[in-house]
Structures are given as C-alpha cells and as structure tokens.
Amino acid sequence: MTDNDLRSDALPTTVRGFLAASTVHDADRASSFLVEDIVVVDQAETFRGRGEVYAFLRDAGAEFEYTTEQIGARRVDDDHWVVTLRLEGTFPGGVAELDYRFTLRGDLVSELVIANHEA
C-alpha cells in the first residue's frame, strides 16, 4: 500500500474523527477536532473561526440526501493529508468526488480545503 492509497485506519485519529462526525452531520462532534482559529474553504467560500465553521458544518448539504464513501487518501507530510470522498445523492449532478485537504496543528485540524477531486 502506498501513501496515495491509504486505508481509513491509517489516517490520523483527528482526520478519521472529523470525517466520521461530519458524515453523520454531527457538527458538535466534528467541531471538537478543530482549532479555535480554524479556516475552512469549501468550493472557494471561506469560513473562519469555530463559530462560522460550526454553522457551515451544521448546514452544509442539509437540504439534500446523500451517501459518502472514501475512495482515496494520501499523506503529504506529517501535518498534511488528503482524503477523497465520493458523494452520491439528491444534489444537482447527483455525484461528486471531493478532495478534503487537511492541515493539522498538533492533534487538531487548523485548515480544511474542500475542492473537486483532482484526478
């Protein structure tokens, strides 16, 4: 197995915990994995600080039904990880593959960039 094809259990606990919580729309739990000055960029929209990011986590995709499957993961270095998720559901287009680019600071996420998957 290469760094470009990591299993979920090879990801840092923080990344696994955040993804598990956000997949079930648990904004309270997902927020527990974030630093206070977290920055999240989702499709070019930026959210800063736990308050804004909490609202984003609570509301993102709430109007749609969808499933999430991890289809890839890689370690860039000790503080940077990329997880590719495939979403299928009732949103426009019905299918999306997104890269979640995590930056860690200690045991917490300090930045998350969500963008279309780069093949």
PDB file of N, CA and C in Angstrom:
ATOM      1  N   MET A   1       0.845  -1.181   0.000  1.00  0.00           N
ATOM      2  CA  MET A   1       0.000   0.000   0.000  1.00  0.00           C
ATOM      3  C   MET A   1       0.885   1.237   0.000  1.00  0.00           C
ATOM      4  N   THR A   2       0.572   2.188  -0.851  1.00  0.00           N
ATOM      5  CA  THR A   2       1.352   3.415  -0.937  1.00  0.00           C
ATOM      6  C   THR A   2       0.688   4.520  -0.128  1.00  0.00           C
ATOM      7  N   ASP A   3       1.401   5.641   0.036  1.00  0.00           N
ATOM      8  CA  ASP A   3       0.818   6.808   0.694  1.00  0.00           C
ATOM      9  C   ASP A   3      -0.341   7.387  -0.104  1.00  0.00           C
ATOM     10  N   ASN A   4      -0.472   7.013  -1.380  1.00  0.00           N
ATOM     11  CA  ASN A   4      -1.561   7.518  -2.209  1.00  0.00           C
ATOM     12  C   ASN A   4      -2.821   6.665  -2.100  1.00  0.00           C
ATOM     13  N   ASP A   5      -2.754   5.572  -1.377  1.00  0.00           N
ATOM     14  CA  ASP A   5      -3.888   4.663  -1.283  1.00  0.00           C
ATOM     15  C   ASP A   5      -4.033   4.163   0.152  1.00  0.00           C
ATOM     16  N   LEU A   6      -4.101   5.097   1.086  1.00  0.00           N
ATOM     17  CA  LEU A   6      -4.178   4.729   2.495  1.00  0.00           C
ATOM     18  C   LEU A   6      -5.573   4.262   2.874  1.00  0.00           C
ATOM     19  N   ARG A   7      -5.634   3.284   3.748  1.00  0.00           N
ATOM     20  CA  ARG A   7      -6.902   2.865   4.340  1.00  0.00           C
ATOM     21  C   ARG A   7      -7.304   3.901   5.383  1.00  0.00           C
ATOM     22  N   SER A   8      -8.582   3.930   5.706  1.00  0.00           N
ATOM     23  CA  SER A   8      -9.083   4.870   6.721  1.00  0.00           C
ATOM     24  C   SER A   8      -8.325   4.745   8.029  1.00  0.00           C
ATOM     25  N   ASP A   9      -8.026   3.518   8.446  1.00  0.00           N
ATOM     26  CA  ASP A   9      -7.391   3.331   9.750  1.00  0.00           C
ATOM     27  C   ASP A   9      -5.934   3.796   9.773  1.00  0.00           C
ATOM     28  N   ALA A  10      -5.378   4.137   8.597  1.00  0.00           N
ATOM     29  CA  ALA A  10      -4.014   4.667   8.544  1.00  0.00           C
ATOM     30  C   ALA A  10      -3.993   6.193   8.655  1.00  0.00           C
ATOM     31  N   LEU A  11      -5.161   6.809   8.613  1.00  0.00           N
ATOM     32  CA  LEU A  11      -5.254   8.264   8.752  1.00  0.00           C
ATOM     33  C   LEU A  11      -5.109   8.661  10.216  1.00  0.00           C
ATOM     34  N   PRO A  12      -4.678   9.893  10.474  1.00  0.00           N
ATOM     35  CA  PRO A  12      -4.607  10.351  11.865  1.00  0.00           C
ATOM     36  C   PRO A  12      -5.989  10.289  12.533  1.00  0.00           C
ATOM     37  N   THR A  13      -5.993  10.025  13.820  1.00  0.00           N
ATOM     38  CA  THR A  13      -7.237   9.942  14.588  1.00  0.00           C
ATOM     39  C   THR A  13      -8.095  11.183  14.400  1.00  0.00           C
ATOM     40  N   THR A  14      -7.477  12.347  14.358  1.00  0.00           N
ATOM     41  CA  THR A  14      -8.202  13.608  14.185  1.00  0.00           C
ATOM     42  C   THR A  14      -8.957  13.629  12.862  1.00  0.00           C
ATOM     43  N   VAL A  15      -8.316  13.233  11.790  1.00  0.00           N
ATOM     44  CA  VAL A  15      -8.942  13.225  10.473  1.00  0.00           C
ATOM     45  C   VAL A  15     -10.081  12.209  10.447  1.00  0.00           C
ATOM     46  N   ARG A  16      -9.823  11.016  10.956  1.00  0.00           N
ATOM     47  CA  ARG A  16     -10.877   9.988  10.994  1.00  0.00           C
ATOM     48  C   ARG A  16     -12.069  10.449  11.810  1.00  0.00           C
ATOM     49  N   GLY A  17     -11.800  11.040  12.962  1.00  0.00           N
ATOM     50  CA  GLY A  17     -12.882  11.501  13.836  1.00  0.00           C
ATOM     51  C   GLY A  17     -13.697  12.607  13.204  1.00  0.00           C
ATOM     52  N   PHE A  18     -13.029  13.570  12.590  1.00  0.00           N
ATOM     53  CA  PHE A  18     -13.732  14.658  11.923  1.00  0.00           C
ATOM     54  C   PHE A  18     -14.621  14.119  10.811  1.00  0.00           C
ATOM     55  N   LEU A  19     -14.080  13.262   9.964  1.00  0.00           N
ATOM     56  CA  LEU A  19     -14.851  12.723   8.845  1.00  0.00           C
ATOM     57  C   LEU A  19     -16.034  11.897   9.334  1.00  0.00           C
ATOM     58  N   ALA A  20     -15.828  11.086  10.349  1.00  0.00           N
ATOM     59  CA  ALA A  20     -16.934  10.277  10.887  1.00  0.00           C
ATOM     60  C   ALA A  20     -18.054  11.170  11.407  1.00  0.00           C
ATOM     61  N   ALA A  21     -17.694  12.215  12.124  1.00  0.00           N
ATOM     62  CA  ALA A  21     -18.708  13.116  12.690  1.00  0.00           C
ATOM     63  C   ALA A  21     -19.401  13.927  11.603  1.00  0.00           C
ATOM     64  N   SER A  22     -18.640  14.448  10.654  1.00  0.00           N
ATOM     65  CA  SER A  22     -19.252  15.288   9.627  1.00  0.00           C
ATOM     66  C   SER A  22     -20.124  14.464   8.680  1.00  0.00           C
ATOM     67  N   THR A  23     -19.772  13.189   8.464  1.00  0.00           N
ATOM     68  CA  THR A  23     -20.563  12.322   7.594  1.00  0.00           C
ATOM     69  C   THR A  23     -21.968  12.115   8.145  1.00  0.00           C
ATOM     70  N   VAL A  24     -22.102  12.082   9.464  1.00  0.00           N
ATOM     71  CA  VAL A  24     -23.431  11.912  10.077  1.00  0.00           C
ATOM     72  C   VAL A  24     -24.020  13.242  10.529  1.00  0.00           C
ATOM     73  N   HIS A  25     -23.435  14.338  10.048  1.00  0.00           N
ATOM     74  CA  HIS A  25     -23.926  15.703  10.316  1.00  0.00           C
ATOM     75  C   HIS A  25     -23.925  16.050  11.804  1.00  0.00           C
ATOM     76  N   ASP A  26     -22.908  15.581  12.518  1.00  0.00           N
ATOM     77  CA  ASP A  26     -22.759  15.901  13.941  1.00  0.00           C
ATOM     78  C   ASP A  26     -21.775  17.059  14.072  1.00  0.00           C
ATOM     79  N   ALA A  27     -22.288  18.281  13.919  1.00  0.00           N
ATOM     80  CA  ALA A  27     -21.441  19.474  13.940  1.00  0.00           C
ATOM     81  C   ALA A  27     -20.759  19.659  15.286  1.00  0.00           C
ATOM     82  N   ASP A  28     -21.418  19.281  16.378  1.00  0.00           N
ATOM     83  CA  ASP A  28     -20.808  19.407  17.703  1.00  0.00           C
ATOM     84  C   ASP A  28     -19.556  18.548  17.800  1.00  0.00           C
ATOM     85  N   ARG A  29     -19.674  17.296  17.424  1.00  0.00           N
ATOM     86  CA  ARG A  29     -18.525  16.378  17.492  1.00  0.00           C
ATOM     87  C   ARG A  29     -17.445  16.779  16.481  1.00  0.00           C
ATOM     88  N   ALA A  30     -17.853  17.103  15.257  1.00  0.00           N
ATOM     89  CA  ALA A  30     -16.873  17.496  14.235  1.00  0.00           C
ATOM     90  C   ALA A  30     -16.081  18.716  14.694  1.00  0.00           C
ATOM     91  N   SER A  31     -16.748  19.667  15.327  1.00  0.00           N
ATOM     92  CA  SER A  31     -16.081  20.889  15.792  1.00  0.00           C
ATOM     93  C   SER A  31     -15.040  20.601  16.868  1.00  0.00           C
ATOM     94  N   SER A  32     -15.203  19.509  17.582  1.00  0.00           N
ATOM     95  CA  SER A  32     -14.249  19.179  18.646  1.00  0.00           C
ATOM     96  C   SER A  32     -12.864  18.823  18.101  1.00  0.00           C
ATOM     97  N   PHE A  33     -12.759  18.604  16.797  1.00  0.00           N
ATOM     98  CA  PHE A  33     -11.477  18.260  16.168  1.00  0.00           C
ATOM     99  C   PHE A  33     -10.794  19.475  15.542  1.00  0.00           C
ATOM    100  N   LEU A  34     -11.320  20.690  15.812  1.00  0.00           N
ATOM    101  CA  LEU A  34     -10.841  21.898  15.153  1.00  0.00           C
ATOM    102  C   LEU A  34     -10.189  22.860  16.134  1.00  0.00           C
ATOM    103  N   VAL A  35      -9.154  23.569  15.672  1.00  0.00           N
ATOM    104  CA  VAL A  35      -8.569  24.649  16.470  1.00  0.00           C
ATOM    105  C   VAL A  35      -9.546  25.826  16.484  1.00  0.00           C
ATOM    106  N   GLU A  36      -9.386  26.729  17.443  1.00  0.00           N
ATOM    107  CA  GLU A  36     -10.274  27.892  17.556  1.00  0.00           C
ATOM    108  C   GLU A  36     -10.236  28.772  16.319  1.00  0.00           C
ATOM    109  N   ASP A  37      -9.048  28.945  15.720  1.00  0.00           N
ATOM    110  CA  ASP A  37      -8.922  29.825  14.563  1.00  0.00           C
ATOM    111  C   ASP A  37      -8.935  29.045  13.239  1.00  0.00           C
ATOM    112  N   ILE A  38      -9.704  27.977  13.204  1.00  0.00           N
ATOM    113  CA  ILE A  38      -9.836  27.123  12.024  1.00  0.00           C
ATOM    114  C   ILE A  38     -10.233  27.947  10.794  1.00  0.00           C
ATOM    115  N   VAL A  39      -9.721  27.537   9.648  1.00  0.00           N
ATOM    116  CA  VAL A  39     -10.131  28.116   8.360  1.00  0.00           C
ATOM    117  C   VAL A  39     -10.596  26.952   7.486  1.00  0.00           C
ATOM    118  N   VAL A  40     -11.813  27.068   6.966  1.00  0.00           N
ATOM    119  CA  VAL A  40     -12.345  26.073   6.040  1.00  0.00           C
ATOM    120  C   VAL A  40     -12.693  26.783   4.741  1.00  0.00           C
ATOM    121  N   VAL A  41     -12.209  26.222   3.645  1.00  0.00           N
ATOM    122  CA  VAL A  41     -12.552  26.722   2.318  1.00  0.00           C
ATOM    123  C   VAL A  41     -13.314  25.605   1.618  1.00  0.00           C
ATOM    124  N   ASP A  42     -14.562  25.912   1.238  1.00  0.00           N
ATOM    125  CA  ASP A  42     -15.400  24.933   0.539  1.00  0.00           C
ATOM    126  C   ASP A  42     -15.807  25.527  -0.798  1.00  0.00           C
ATOM    127  N   GLN A  43     -15.260  24.967  -1.877  1.00  0.00           N
ATOM    128  CA  GLN A  43     -15.576  25.435  -3.219  1.00  0.00           C
ATOM    129  C   GLN A  43     -15.419  26.955  -3.325  1.00  0.00           C
ATOM    130  N   ALA A  44     -14.336  27.487  -2.815  1.00  0.00           N
ATOM    131  CA  ALA A  44     -13.953  28.901  -2.891  1.00  0.00           C
ATOM    132  C   ALA A  44     -14.695  29.809  -1.909  1.00  0.00           C
ATOM    133  N   GLU A  45     -15.532  29.269  -1.037  1.00  0.00           N
ATOM    134  CA  GLU A  45     -16.161  30.063   0.027  1.00  0.00           C
ATOM    135  C   GLU A  45     -15.394  29.794   1.316  1.00  0.00           C
ATOM    136  N   THR A  46     -14.987  30.861   2.014  1.00  0.00           N
ATOM    137  CA  THR A  46     -14.132  30.721   3.188  1.00  0.00           C
ATOM    138  C   THR A  46     -14.916  30.979   4.469  1.00  0.00           C
ATOM    139  N   PHE A  47     -14.687  30.103   5.459  1.00  0.00           N
ATOM    140  CA  PHE A  47     -15.279  30.221   6.789  1.00  0.00           C
ATOM    141  C   PHE A  47     -14.133  30.296   7.790  1.00  0.00           C
ATOM    142  N   ARG A  48     -14.197  31.273   8.707  1.00  0.00           N
ATOM    143  CA  ARG A  48     -13.100  31.489   9.656  1.00  0.00           C
ATOM    144  C   ARG A  48     -13.605  31.412  11.088  1.00  0.00           C
ATOM    145  N   GLY A  49     -12.860  30.677  11.909  1.00  0.00           N
ATOM    146  CA  GLY A  49     -13.181  30.550  13.326  1.00  0.00           C
ATOM    147  C   GLY A  49     -14.237  29.486  13.569  1.00  0.00           C
ATOM    148  N   ARG A  50     -14.247  28.988  14.799  1.00  0.00           N
ATOM    149  CA  ARG A  50     -15.148  27.884  15.136  1.00  0.00           C
ATOM    150  C   ARG A  50     -16.621  28.216  14.940  1.00  0.00           C
ATOM    151  N   GLY A  51     -17.033  29.470  15.201  1.00  0.00           N
ATOM    152  CA  GLY A  51     -18.443  29.835  15.042  1.00  0.00           C
ATOM    153  C   GLY A  51     -18.917  29.697  13.610  1.00  0.00           C
ATOM    154  N   GLU A  52     -18.191  30.312  12.676  1.00  0.00           N
ATOM    155  CA  GLU A  52     -18.555  30.222  11.263  1.00  0.00           C
ATOM    156  C   GLU A  52     -18.463  28.788  10.755  1.00  0.00           C
ATOM    157  N   VAL A  53     -17.416  28.100  11.163  1.00  0.00           N
ATOM    158  CA  VAL A  53     -17.225  26.730  10.683  1.00  0.00           C
ATOM    159  C   VAL A  53     -18.291  25.815  11.268  1.00  0.00           C
ATOM    160  N   TYR A  54     -18.666  26.027  12.515  1.00  0.00           N
ATOM    161  CA  TYR A  54     -19.739  25.227  13.109  1.00  0.00           C
ATOM    162  C   TYR A  54     -21.025  25.394  12.292  1.00  0.00           C
ATOM    163  N   ALA A  55     -21.393  26.630  11.965  1.00  0.00           N
ATOM    164  CA  ALA A  55     -22.602  26.882  11.182  1.00  0.00           C
ATOM    165  C   ALA A  55     -22.501  26.202   9.812  1.00  0.00           C
ATOM    166  N   PHE A  56     -21.328  26.264   9.200  1.00  0.00           N
ATOM    167  CA  PHE A  56     -21.110  25.595   7.921  1.00  0.00           C
ATOM    168  C   PHE A  56     -21.318  24.091   8.062  1.00  0.00           C
ATOM    169  N   LEU A  57     -20.704  23.482   9.083  1.00  0.00           N
ATOM    170  CA  LEU A  57     -20.829  22.037   9.287  1.00  0.00           C
ATOM    171  C   LEU A  57     -22.270  21.634   9.565  1.00  0.00           C
ATOM    172  N   ARG A  58     -22.973  22.463  10.295  1.00  0.00           N
ATOM    173  CA  ARG A  58     -24.372  22.174  10.646  1.00  0.00           C
ATOM    174  C   ARG A  58     -25.272  22.244   9.416  1.00  0.00           C
ATOM    175  N   ASP A  59     -25.018  23.215   8.538  1.00  0.00           N
ATOM    176  CA  ASP A  59     -25.945  23.496   7.450  1.00  0.00           C
ATOM    177  C   ASP A  59     -25.559  22.922   6.086  1.00  0.00           C
ATOM    178  N   ALA A  60     -24.293  22.601   5.884  1.00  0.00           N
ATOM    179  CA  ALA A  60     -23.819  22.169   4.562  1.00  0.00           C
ATOM    180  C   ALA A  60     -24.533  20.894   4.113  1.00  0.00           C
ATOM    181  N   GLY A  61     -25.189  20.985   2.982  1.00  0.00           N
ATOM    182  CA  GLY A  61     -25.841  19.813   2.399  1.00  0.00           C
ATOM    183  C   GLY A  61     -27.092  19.355   3.110  1.00  0.00           C
ATOM    184  N   ALA A  62     -27.572  20.124   4.101  1.00  0.00           N
ATOM    185  CA  ALA A  62     -28.729  19.693   4.897  1.00  0.00           C
ATOM    186  C   ALA A  62     -29.989  19.525   4.052  1.00  0.00           C
ATOM    187  N   GLU A  63     -30.062  20.232   2.936  1.00  0.00           N
ATOM    188  CA  GLU A  63     -31.263  20.151   2.109  1.00  0.00           C
ATOM    189  C   GLU A  63     -31.265  18.945   1.170  1.00  0.00           C
ATOM    190  N   PHE A  64     -30.179  18.173   1.185  1.00  0.00           N
ATOM    191  CA  PHE A  64     -30.056  17.024   0.297  1.00  0.00           C
ATOM    192  C   PHE A  64     -29.897  15.732   1.093  1.00  0.00           C
ATOM    193  N   GLU A  65     -30.235  14.642   0.435  1.00  0.00           N
ATOM    194  CA  GLU A  65     -29.920  13.318   0.967  1.00  0.00           C
ATOM    195  C   GLU A  65     -28.770  12.777   0.139  1.00  0.00           C
ATOM    196  N   TYR A  66     -27.764  12.213   0.812  1.00  0.00           N
ATOM    197  CA  TYR A  66     -26.630  11.687   0.067  1.00  0.00           C
ATOM    198  C   TYR A  66     -25.849  10.696   0.919  1.00  0.00           C
ATOM    199  N   THR A  67     -25.075   9.875   0.230  1.00  0.00           N
ATOM    200  CA  THR A  67     -24.169   8.944   0.894  1.00  0.00           C
ATOM    201  C   THR A  67     -22.742   9.403   0.623  1.00  0.00           C
ATOM    202  N   THR A  68     -21.844   8.999   1.501  1.00  0.00           N
ATOM    203  CA  THR A  68     -20.439   9.377   1.392  1.00  0.00           C
ATOM    204  C   THR A  68     -19.583   8.120   1.469  1.00  0.00           C
ATOM    205  N   GLU A  69     -18.620   8.011   0.564  1.00  0.00           N
ATOM    206  CA  GLU A  69     -17.692   6.878   0.563  1.00  0.00           C
ATOM    207  C   GLU A  69     -16.277   7.398   0.349  1.00  0.00           C
ATOM    208  N   GLN A  70     -15.355   6.955   1.198  1.00  0.00           N
ATOM    209  CA  GLN A  70     -13.950   7.306   0.990  1.00  0.00           C
ATOM    210  C   GLN A  70     -13.417   6.465  -0.159  1.00  0.00           C
ATOM    211  N   ILE A  71     -12.866   7.142  -1.173  1.00  0.00           N
ATOM    212  CA  ILE A  71     -12.327   6.404  -2.320  1.00  0.00           C
ATOM    213  C   ILE A  71     -10.820   6.586  -2.472  1.00  0.00           C
ATOM    214  N   GLY A  72     -10.226   7.393  -1.597  1.00  0.00           N
ATOM    215  CA  GLY A  72      -8.787   7.571  -1.659  1.00  0.00           C
ATOM    216  C   GLY A  72      -8.289   8.382  -0.480  1.00  0.00           C
ATOM    217  N   ALA A  73      -7.009   8.257  -0.203  1.00  0.00           N
ATOM    218  CA  ALA A  73      -6.383   9.043   0.863  1.00  0.00           C
ATOM    219  C   ALA A  73      -4.880   9.001   0.670  1.00  0.00           C
ATOM    220  N   ARG A  74      -4.253  10.111   1.032  1.00  0.00           N
ATOM    221  CA  ARG A  74      -2.793  10.133   0.956  1.00  0.00           C
ATOM    222  C   ARG A  74      -2.221  11.085   1.996  1.00  0.00           C
ATOM    223  N   ARG A  75      -1.035  10.752   2.409  1.00  0.00           N
ATOM    224  CA  ARG A  75      -0.267  11.576   3.344  1.00  0.00           C
ATOM    225  C   ARG A  75       0.673  12.438   2.519  1.00  0.00           C
ATOM    226  N   VAL A  76       0.605  13.754   2.713  1.00  0.00           N
ATOM    227  CA  VAL A  76       1.534  14.656   2.055  1.00  0.00           C
ATOM    228  C   VAL A  76       2.789  14.764   2.916  1.00  0.00           C
ATOM    229  N   ASP A  77       2.582  15.028   4.206  1.00  0.00           N
ATOM    230  CA  ASP A  77       3.631  15.011   5.218  1.00  0.00           C
ATOM    231  C   ASP A  77       2.918  14.854   6.559  1.00  0.00           C
ATOM    232  N   ASP A  78       3.640  14.985   7.669  1.00  0.00           N
ATOM    233  CA  ASP A  78       3.031  14.728   8.977  1.00  0.00           C
ATOM    234  C   ASP A  78       1.835  15.614   9.282  1.00  0.00           C
ATOM    235  N   ASP A  79       1.779  16.804   8.705  1.00  0.00           N
ATOM    236  CA  ASP A  79       0.714  17.758   9.009  1.00  0.00           C
ATOM    237  C   ASP A  79      -0.308  17.932   7.892  1.00  0.00           C
ATOM    238  N   HIS A  80      -0.113  17.290   6.761  1.00  0.00           N
ATOM    239  CA  HIS A  80      -0.997  17.489   5.612  1.00  0.00           C
ATOM    240  C   HIS A  80      -1.469  16.145   5.057  1.00  0.00           C
ATOM    241  N   TRP A  81      -2.780  16.016   4.945  1.00  0.00           N
ATOM    242  CA  TRP A  81      -3.405  14.778   4.489  1.00  0.00           C
ATOM    243  C   TRP A  81      -4.514  15.126   3.511  1.00  0.00           C
ATOM    244  N   VAL A  82      -4.728  14.284   2.512  1.00  0.00           N
ATOM    245  CA  VAL A  82      -5.800  14.483   1.544  1.00  0.00           C
ATOM    246  C   VAL A  82      -6.659  13.225   1.526  1.00  0.00           C
ATOM    247  N   VAL A  83      -7.961  13.420   1.711  1.00  0.00           N
ATOM    248  CA  VAL A  83      -8.915  12.322   1.662  1.00  0.00           C
ATOM    249  C   VAL A  83      -9.907  12.636   0.547  1.00  0.00           C
ATOM    250  N   THR A  84     -10.104  11.677  -0.343  1.00  0.00           N
ATOM    251  CA  THR A  84     -11.058  11.854  -1.440  1.00  0.00           C
ATOM    252  C   THR A  84     -12.343  11.113  -1.103  1.00  0.00           C
ATOM    253  N   LEU A  85     -13.446  11.846  -1.159  1.00  0.00           N
ATOM    254  CA  LEU A  85     -14.757  11.286  -0.864  1.00  0.00           C
ATOM    255  C   LEU A  85     -15.630  11.341  -2.102  1.00  0.00           C
ATOM    256  N   ARG A  86     -16.415  10.311  -2.274  1.00  0.00           N
ATOM    257  CA  ARG A  86     -17.419  10.277  -3.353  1.00  0.00           C
ATOM    258  C   ARG A  86     -18.783  10.436  -2.698  1.00  0.00           C
ATOM    259  N   LEU A  87     -19.511  11.471  -3.124  1.00  0.00           N
ATOM    260  CA  LEU A  87     -20.850  11.727  -2.629  1.00  0.00           C
ATOM    261  C   LEU A  87     -21.844  11.404  -3.737  1.00  0.00           C
ATOM    262  N   GLU A  88     -22.904  10.696  -3.376  1.00  0.00           N
ATOM    263  CA  GLU A  88     -23.985  10.401  -4.309  1.00  0.00           C
ATOM    264  C   GLU A  88     -25.284  10.748  -3.622  1.00  0.00           C
ATOM    265  N   GLY A  89     -26.147  11.520  -4.330  1.00  0.00           N
ATOM    266  CA  GLY A  89     -27.399  11.891  -3.694  1.00  0.00           C
ATOM    267  C   GLY A  89     -28.287  12.761  -4.542  1.00  0.00           C
ATOM    268  N   THR A  90     -29.143  13.510  -3.838  1.00  0.00           N
ATOM    269  CA  THR A  90     -30.188  14.298  -4.484  1.00  0.00           C
ATOM    270  C   THR A  90     -29.749  15.717  -4.822  1.00  0.00           C
ATOM    271  N   PHE A  91     -28.485  16.034  -4.704  1.00  0.00           N
ATOM    272  CA  PHE A  91     -27.976  17.369  -5.044  1.00  0.00           C
ATOM    273  C   PHE A  91     -27.797  17.461  -6.564  1.00  0.00           C
ATOM    274  N   PRO A  92     -27.716  18.674  -7.111  1.00  0.00           N
ATOM    275  CA  PRO A  92     -27.534  18.827  -8.561  1.00  0.00           C
ATOM    276  C   PRO A  92     -26.317  18.038  -9.056  1.00  0.00           C
ATOM    277  N   GLY A  93     -26.522  17.267 -10.104  1.00  0.00           N
ATOM    278  CA  GLY A  93     -25.453  16.434 -10.656  1.00  0.00           C
ATOM    279  C   GLY A  93     -25.459  15.035 -10.081  1.00  0.00           C
ATOM    280  N   GLY A  94     -25.903  14.871  -8.843  1.00  0.00           N
ATOM    281  CA  GLY A  94     -26.082  13.559  -8.237  1.00  0.00           C
ATOM    282  C   GLY A  94     -24.838  12.843  -7.765  1.00  0.00           C
ATOM    283  N   VAL A  95     -23.677  13.188  -8.305  1.00  0.00           N
ATOM    284  CA  VAL A  95     -22.418  12.543  -7.915  1.00  0.00           C
ATOM    285  C   VAL A  95     -21.328  13.605  -7.876  1.00  0.00           C
ATOM    286  N   ALA A  96     -20.503  13.541  -6.836  1.00  0.00           N
ATOM    287  CA  ALA A  96     -19.357  14.447  -6.746  1.00  0.00           C
ATOM    288  C   ALA A  96     -18.203  13.715  -6.085  1.00  0.00           C
ATOM    289  N   GLU A  97     -17.016  13.950  -6.578  1.00  0.00           N
ATOM    290  CA  GLU A  97     -15.799  13.457  -5.930  1.00  0.00           C
ATOM    291  C   GLU A  97     -15.037  14.672  -5.443  1.00  0.00           C
ATOM    292  N   LEU A  98     -14.833  14.713  -4.128  1.00  0.00           N
ATOM    293  CA  LEU A  98     -14.229  15.882  -3.491  1.00  0.00           C
ATOM    294  C   LEU A  98     -12.970  15.500  -2.738  1.00  0.00           C
ATOM    295  N   ASP A  99     -11.968  16.358  -2.828  1.00  0.00           N
ATOM    296  CA  ASP A  99     -10.755  16.213  -2.020  1.00  0.00           C
ATOM    297  C   ASP A  99     -10.919  17.069  -0.770  1.00  0.00           C
ATOM    298  N   TYR A 100     -10.697  16.454   0.382  1.00  0.00           N
ATOM    299  CA  TYR A 100     -10.669  17.155   1.665  1.00  0.00           C
ATOM    300  C   TYR A 100      -9.198  17.252   2.043  1.00  0.00           C
ATOM    301  N   ARG A 101      -8.638  18.450   1.945  1.00  0.00           N
ATOM    302  CA  ARG A 101      -7.218  18.671   2.224  1.00  0.00           C
ATOM    303  C   ARG A 101      -7.086  19.211   3.648  1.00  0.00           C
ATOM    304  N   PHE A 102      -6.579  18.384   4.525  1.00  0.00           N
ATOM    305  CA  PHE A 102      -6.441  18.710   5.938  1.00  0.00           C
ATOM    306  C   PHE A 102      -5.046  19.219   6.255  1.00  0.00           C
ATOM    307  N   THR A 103      -4.982  20.275   7.062  1.00  0.00           N
ATOM    308  CA  THR A 103      -3.741  20.717   7.685  1.00  0.00           C
ATOM    309  C   THR A 103      -3.941  20.563   9.183  1.00  0.00           C
ATOM    310  N   LEU A 104      -3.016  19.859   9.821  1.00  0.00           N
ATOM    311  CA  LEU A 104      -3.104  19.629  11.262  1.00  0.00           C
ATOM    312  C   LEU A 104      -2.156  20.554  12.003  1.00  0.00           C
ATOM    313  N   ARG A 105      -2.581  20.950  13.184  1.00  0.00           N
ATOM    314  CA  ARG A 105      -1.725  21.660  14.139  1.00  0.00           C
ATOM    315  C   ARG A 105      -1.842  20.870  15.435  1.00  0.00           C
ATOM    316  N   GLY A 106      -0.794  20.141  15.739  1.00  0.00           N
ATOM    317  CA  GLY A 106      -0.873  19.242  16.888  1.00  0.00           C
ATOM    318  C   GLY A 106      -1.901  18.164  16.588  1.00  0.00           C
ATOM    319  N   ASP A 107      -2.847  17.991  17.504  1.00  0.00           N
ATOM    320  CA  ASP A 107      -3.871  16.956  17.347  1.00  0.00           C
ATOM    321  C   ASP A 107      -5.186  17.493  16.799  1.00  0.00           C
ATOM    322  N   LEU A 108      -5.172  18.702  16.226  1.00  0.00           N
ATOM    323  CA  LEU A 108      -6.408  19.300  15.725  1.00  0.00           C
ATOM    324  C   LEU A 108      -6.243  19.773  14.286  1.00  0.00           C
ATOM    325  N   VAL A 109      -7.370  19.961  13.604  1.00  0.00           N
ATOM    326  CA  VAL A 109      -7.373  20.471  12.242  1.00  0.00           C
ATOM    327  C   VAL A 109      -7.297  21.993  12.299  1.00  0.00           C
ATOM    328  N   SER A 110      -6.322  22.576  11.596  1.00  0.00           N
ATOM    329  CA  SER A 110      -6.196  24.035  11.556  1.00  0.00           C
ATOM    330  C   SER A 110      -6.713  24.615  10.246  1.00  0.00           C
ATOM    331  N   GLU A 111      -6.735  23.786   9.200  1.00  0.00           N
ATOM    332  CA  GLU A 111      -7.270  24.243   7.916  1.00  0.00           C
ATOM    333  C   GLU A 111      -7.830  23.038   7.170  1.00  0.00           C
ATOM    334  N   LEU A 112      -8.939  23.282   6.482  1.00  0.00           N
ATOM    335  CA  LEU A 112      -9.549  22.261   5.635  1.00  0.00           C
ATOM    336  C   LEU A 112      -9.977  22.933   4.345  1.00  0.00           C
ATOM    337  N   VAL A 113      -9.493  22.400   3.232  1.00  0.00           N
ATOM    338  CA  VAL A 113      -9.883  22.898   1.921  1.00  0.00           C
ATOM    339  C   VAL A 113     -10.627  21.767   1.225  1.00  0.00           C
ATOM    340  N   ILE A 114     -11.877  22.060   0.838  1.00  0.00           N
ATOM    341  CA  ILE A 114     -12.724  21.083   0.148  1.00  0.00           C
ATOM    342  C   ILE A 114     -12.865  21.548  -1.294  1.00  0.00           C
ATOM    343  N   ALA A 115     -12.449  20.711  -2.232  1.00  0.00           N
ATOM    344  CA  ALA A 115     -12.484  21.094  -3.644  1.00  0.00           C
ATOM    345  C   ALA A 115     -12.744  19.865  -4.507  1.00  0.00           C
ATOM    346  N   ASN A 116     -13.111  20.107  -5.746  1.00  0.00           N
ATOM    347  CA  ASN A 116     -13.308  18.999  -6.671  1.00  0.00           C
ATOM    348  C   ASN A 116     -12.043  18.160  -6.723  1.00  0.00           C
ATOM    349  N   HIS A 117     -12.234  16.861  -6.820  1.00  0.00           N
ATOM    350  CA  HIS A 117     -11.115  15.932  -6.877  1.00  0.00           C
ATOM    351  C   HIS A 117     -10.267  16.183  -8.117  1.00  0.00           C
ATOM    352  N   GLU A 118      -8.976  16.198  -7.889  1.00  0.00           N
ATOM    353  CA  GLU A 118      -8.014  16.331  -8.985  1.00  0.00           C
ATOM    354  C   GLU A 118      -7.559  14.945  -9.382  1.00  0.00           C
ATOM    355  N   ALA A 119      -7.996  14.493 -10.531  1.00  0.00           N
ATOM    356  CA  ALA A 119      -7.682  13.129 -10.985  1.00  0.00           C
ATOM    357  C   ALA A 119      -6.219  12.970 -11.321  1.00  0.00           C
TER     358      ALA A 119
END
